[in-house]
Amino acid sequence: MMSRMRIIAATILSVLIAGCAGTTAAAPSATPLATSTAASSSTPTSSATTQATTAALACTAPAQALVELTEGPYYKANPPQNAALRTAGVAGTPLTLTGYVVSKSCQPIANAKLDFWQADGNGNYDNSGYTLRGWQLTDANGAYRLETVIPGLYPGRTEHIHFKVTVNGQTYTSQLFFPGVSQNEGDSIYSAQMLVKLDTATSSVTGTFTFVVNVA
């Protein structure tokens, strides 16, 4: 009788040991599964981000490079690094201009240098200081944001903003123009390709423009 009880106890103990061993062996398989799930979920997120950026750029490859135009007589070297050119007391309707610097294949270009200068709302340039003059760098997504005013007219010229964009040591100089200005067609420098897209539906005027530089 005692011998039979020992056999039964030994059998139960071996079953328990085997069960514990099976649980331990199965546990490591959970880690690879979790890693695999995390890795697979990152792809759609990355794809969605890329699609959103492409849509925001509103650029179709191969894109036409910007039209280079004259620098004009009022450029001043060594302006300050400043993306907010609009300051208190400056004449003109407030304008916030945003967009990107991209290649002809519509790839955003980070750290592109954008140098802007312009007249105020009365058509006057600050030639003694640096009002409405400044440069900035595009961010990691190739985006920029300029806070300024809509420039005024002066004899012989329609509304325009001068700029230089520098990428990889190459500088492109041109001007931005505004839609619906009657003086556009009478301005010998005007280019319809350099028109800013304006949204005047809100109390403050906003605009967009994508600078396409002549790189692949």
Protein backbone atom coordinates (compact mmCIF):
# COMPACT_ATOMS: atom_id res chain seq x y z
CA MET A 1 0.00 0.00 0.00
CA MET A 2 2.78 2.40 0.99
CA SER A 3 4.67 1.54 -2.20
CA ARG A 4 1.59 2.27 -4.33
CA MET A 5 1.10 5.69 -2.68
CA ARG A 6 4.74 6.57 -3.39
CA ILE A 7 4.28 5.66 -7.04
CA ILE A 8 1.13 7.84 -7.30
CA ALA A 9 2.86 10.79 -5.61
CA ALA A 10 5.86 10.47 -7.92
CA THR A 11 3.56 10.42 -10.95
CA ILE A 12 1.70 13.58 -9.84
CA LEU A 13 5.00 15.36 -9.16
CA SER A 14 6.36 14.52 -12.63
CA VAL A 15 3.18 15.84 -14.26
CA LEU A 16 3.46 19.13 -12.34
CA ILE A 17 7.11 19.51 -13.31
CA ALA A 18 6.31 18.86 -16.97
CA GLY A 19 3.48 21.42 -16.89
CA CYS A 20 5.73 24.10 -15.41
CA ALA A 21 8.42 23.36 -17.96
CA GLY A 22 5.91 23.73 -20.79
CA THR A 23 4.79 27.17 -19.54
CA THR A 24 8.36 28.45 -19.34
CA ALA A 25 9.15 27.27 -22.85
CA ALA A 26 6.13 29.02 -24.33
CA ALA A 27 6.79 32.43 -22.70
CA PRO A 28 9.69 33.65 -24.92
CA SER A 29 7.53 33.38 -28.05
CA ALA A 30 5.49 36.39 -26.87
CA THR A 31 8.40 38.83 -27.31
CA PRO A 32 9.01 38.24 -31.03
CA LEU A 33 5.27 38.56 -31.70
CA ALA A 34 5.09 41.92 -29.93
CA THR A 35 8.15 43.17 -31.80
CA SER A 36 6.75 42.02 -35.10
CA THR A 37 3.43 43.78 -34.46
CA ALA A 38 5.15 47.05 -33.56
CA ALA A 39 7.35 46.90 -36.65
CA SER A 40 4.45 46.25 -38.99
CA SER A 41 2.34 49.08 -37.53
CA SER A 42 5.05 51.67 -38.18
CA THR A 43 4.83 51.31 -41.95
CA PRO A 44 1.28 52.67 -42.39
CA THR A 45 2.08 55.60 -40.08
CA SER A 46 5.18 56.48 -42.09
CA SER A 47 3.23 56.16 -45.32
CA ALA A 48 0.45 58.41 -44.02
CA THR A 49 2.97 61.05 -42.99
CA THR A 50 4.58 60.97 -46.44
CA GLN A 51 1.20 61.28 -48.16
CA ALA A 52 0.21 64.21 -45.93
CA THR A 53 3.47 66.02 -46.68
CA THR A 54 3.10 65.43 -50.42
CA ALA A 55 -0.46 66.76 -50.35
CA ALA A 56 0.60 69.85 -48.41
CA LEU A 57 3.31 70.58 -50.96
CA ALA A 58 0.78 70.66 -53.82
CA CYS A 59 3.65 69.83 -56.15
CA THR A 60 3.58 67.57 -59.20
CA ALA A 61 6.87 66.19 -60.48
CA PRO A 62 8.57 67.14 -62.64
CA ALA A 63 7.83 70.64 -61.37
CA GLN A 64 8.81 73.80 -63.23
CA ALA A 65 11.57 75.75 -61.52
CA LEU A 66 10.86 79.29 -60.36
CA VAL A 67 11.37 82.15 -62.82
CA GLU A 68 14.46 84.17 -61.96
CA LEU A 69 13.92 87.94 -62.08
CA THR A 70 15.95 91.05 -61.42
CA GLU A 71 17.19 91.83 -57.92
CA GLY A 72 16.24 95.49 -58.28
CA PRO A 73 17.97 98.51 -56.76
CA TYR A 74 16.87 98.19 -53.13
CA TYR A 75 18.57 95.04 -51.86
CA LYS A 76 20.69 95.50 -48.72
CA ALA A 77 23.35 92.96 -47.76
CA ASN A 78 23.55 91.39 -44.31
CA PRO A 79 19.91 91.59 -43.23
CA PRO A 80 19.00 90.04 -39.86
CA GLN A 81 17.75 86.48 -39.48
CA ASN A 82 14.07 87.20 -38.97
CA ALA A 83 10.89 85.48 -40.16
CA ALA A 84 8.57 88.06 -38.57
CA LEU A 85 9.12 91.16 -40.69
CA ARG A 86 5.80 92.73 -39.69
CA THR A 87 6.30 95.08 -36.75
CA ALA A 88 4.08 97.60 -34.97
CA GLY A 89 3.52 100.76 -36.95
CA VAL A 90 4.47 99.34 -40.34
CA ALA A 91 1.97 100.38 -43.02
CA GLY A 92 0.19 97.63 -44.91
CA THR A 93 -2.37 94.85 -44.63
CA PRO A 94 -0.97 92.00 -42.49
CA LEU A 95 0.04 88.95 -44.53
CA THR A 96 1.21 85.53 -43.40
CA LEU A 97 2.91 83.62 -46.21
CA THR A 98 3.72 79.92 -45.87
CA GLY A 99 4.97 77.15 -48.12
CA TYR A 100 7.97 75.02 -48.97
CA VAL A 101 11.25 74.97 -50.84
CA VAL A 102 11.41 71.87 -53.04
CA SER A 103 13.40 70.33 -55.86
CA LYS A 104 11.98 69.75 -59.36
CA SER A 105 11.14 66.22 -58.21
CA CYS A 106 9.06 67.81 -55.42
CA GLN A 107 11.40 66.71 -52.63
CA PRO A 108 11.35 69.15 -49.67
CA ILE A 109 14.69 70.86 -49.01
CA ALA A 110 15.66 71.47 -45.39
CA ASN A 111 17.86 74.41 -44.37
CA ALA A 112 17.29 76.32 -47.59
CA LYS A 113 17.96 80.02 -47.01
CA LEU A 114 15.15 82.43 -47.90
CA ASP A 115 16.00 86.14 -47.91
CA PHE A 116 13.03 88.53 -48.27
CA TRP A 117 12.84 92.31 -48.73
CA GLN A 118 10.00 94.59 -49.79
CA ALA A 119 8.22 97.94 -49.63
CA ASP A 120 5.63 98.71 -46.98
CA GLY A 121 1.94 99.23 -47.72
CA ASN A 122 2.66 102.74 -48.98
CA GLY A 123 5.26 101.57 -51.47
CA ASN A 124 8.25 102.74 -49.40
CA TYR A 125 11.45 100.77 -48.74
CA ASP A 126 13.50 101.18 -45.59
CA ASN A 127 16.91 101.94 -47.09
CA SER A 128 18.47 103.19 -43.87
CA GLY A 129 17.56 100.20 -41.70
CA TYR A 130 16.20 96.69 -42.06
CA THR A 131 12.43 97.08 -41.71
CA LEU A 132 10.66 94.45 -43.85
CA ARG A 133 13.99 92.77 -44.53
CA GLY A 134 15.15 89.44 -43.16
CA TRP A 135 16.15 85.86 -43.86
CA GLN A 136 15.18 82.46 -42.50
CA LEU A 137 15.95 78.77 -43.00
CA THR A 138 13.40 76.13 -43.96
CA ASP A 139 12.71 73.49 -41.32
CA ALA A 140 13.33 69.74 -41.55
CA ASN A 141 10.26 69.41 -43.82
CA GLY A 142 11.38 72.20 -46.16
CA ALA A 143 8.71 74.55 -44.79
CA TYR A 144 8.89 78.30 -44.16
CA ARG A 145 6.60 80.92 -42.60
CA LEU A 146 6.85 84.67 -43.28
CA GLU A 147 4.93 87.31 -41.33
CA THR A 148 4.85 90.54 -43.29
CA VAL A 149 2.45 92.99 -45.01
CA ILE A 150 1.10 93.28 -48.52
CA PRO A 151 3.46 95.74 -50.25
CA GLY A 152 2.12 98.91 -51.81
CA LEU A 153 2.45 100.28 -55.32
CA TYR A 154 5.00 102.80 -56.49
CA PRO A 155 5.55 104.31 -59.97
CA GLY A 156 6.29 101.67 -62.59
CA ARG A 157 5.85 98.67 -60.27
CA THR A 158 3.00 96.44 -59.21
CA GLU A 159 2.78 94.85 -55.75
CA HIS A 160 5.74 92.50 -55.23
CA ILE A 161 8.05 90.90 -52.67
CA HIS A 162 11.70 90.35 -53.53
CA PHE A 163 13.48 87.19 -52.48
CA LYS A 164 16.63 85.14 -52.81
CA VAL A 165 16.61 81.41 -52.13
CA THR A 166 19.94 79.66 -51.61
CA VAL A 167 20.34 75.89 -51.85
CA ASN A 168 23.71 74.09 -51.81
CA GLY A 169 25.57 77.35 -52.43
CA GLN A 170 23.45 78.29 -55.45
CA THR A 171 21.29 81.44 -55.13
CA TYR A 172 18.13 82.06 -57.16
CA THR A 173 16.76 85.64 -57.21
CA SER A 174 13.19 86.56 -58.11
CA GLN A 175 9.98 88.32 -57.03
CA LEU A 176 6.53 87.26 -55.82
CA PHE A 177 3.36 88.89 -57.14
CA PHE A 178 -0.27 89.07 -56.08
CA PRO A 179 -3.39 88.04 -58.02
CA GLY A 180 -6.04 90.51 -59.10
CA VAL A 181 -3.79 93.59 -59.12
CA SER A 182 -4.58 95.71 -62.18
CA GLN A 183 -0.99 96.94 -62.48
CA ASN A 184 0.37 93.40 -62.97
CA GLU A 185 0.08 93.39 -66.75
CA GLY A 186 1.67 96.82 -67.08
CA ASP A 187 4.74 95.78 -65.06
CA SER A 188 7.55 94.66 -67.40
CA ILE A 189 9.02 92.42 -64.66
CA TYR A 190 5.76 90.67 -63.75
CA SER A 191 5.55 86.88 -64.16
CA ALA A 192 2.28 84.98 -63.73
CA GLN A 193 4.26 81.91 -62.65
CA MET A 194 5.36 83.78 -59.54
CA LEU A 195 1.85 84.55 -58.26
CA VAL A 196 1.13 83.95 -54.57
CA LYS A 197 -2.06 82.02 -53.84
CA LEU A 198 -4.09 84.20 -51.46
CA ASP A 199 -6.88 83.36 -49.02
CA THR A 200 -8.76 86.50 -48.01
CA ALA A 201 -11.77 84.72 -46.49
CA THR A 202 -10.60 85.44 -42.95
CA SER A 203 -9.89 88.71 -41.17
CA SER A 204 -6.15 88.30 -41.72
CA VAL A 205 -4.80 87.60 -45.21
CA THR A 206 -2.84 84.38 -45.69
CA GLY A 207 -0.98 83.14 -48.74
CA THR A 208 1.01 80.17 -49.97
CA PHE A 209 3.84 79.74 -52.41
CA THR A 210 6.13 76.79 -53.15
CA PHE A 211 9.64 77.71 -54.26
CA VAL A 212 10.81 75.13 -56.82
CA VAL A 213 14.58 75.37 -57.30
CA ASN A 214 16.47 74.06 -60.30
CA VAL A 215 17.84 70.88 -58.72
CA ALA A 216 16.77 67.32 -59.45
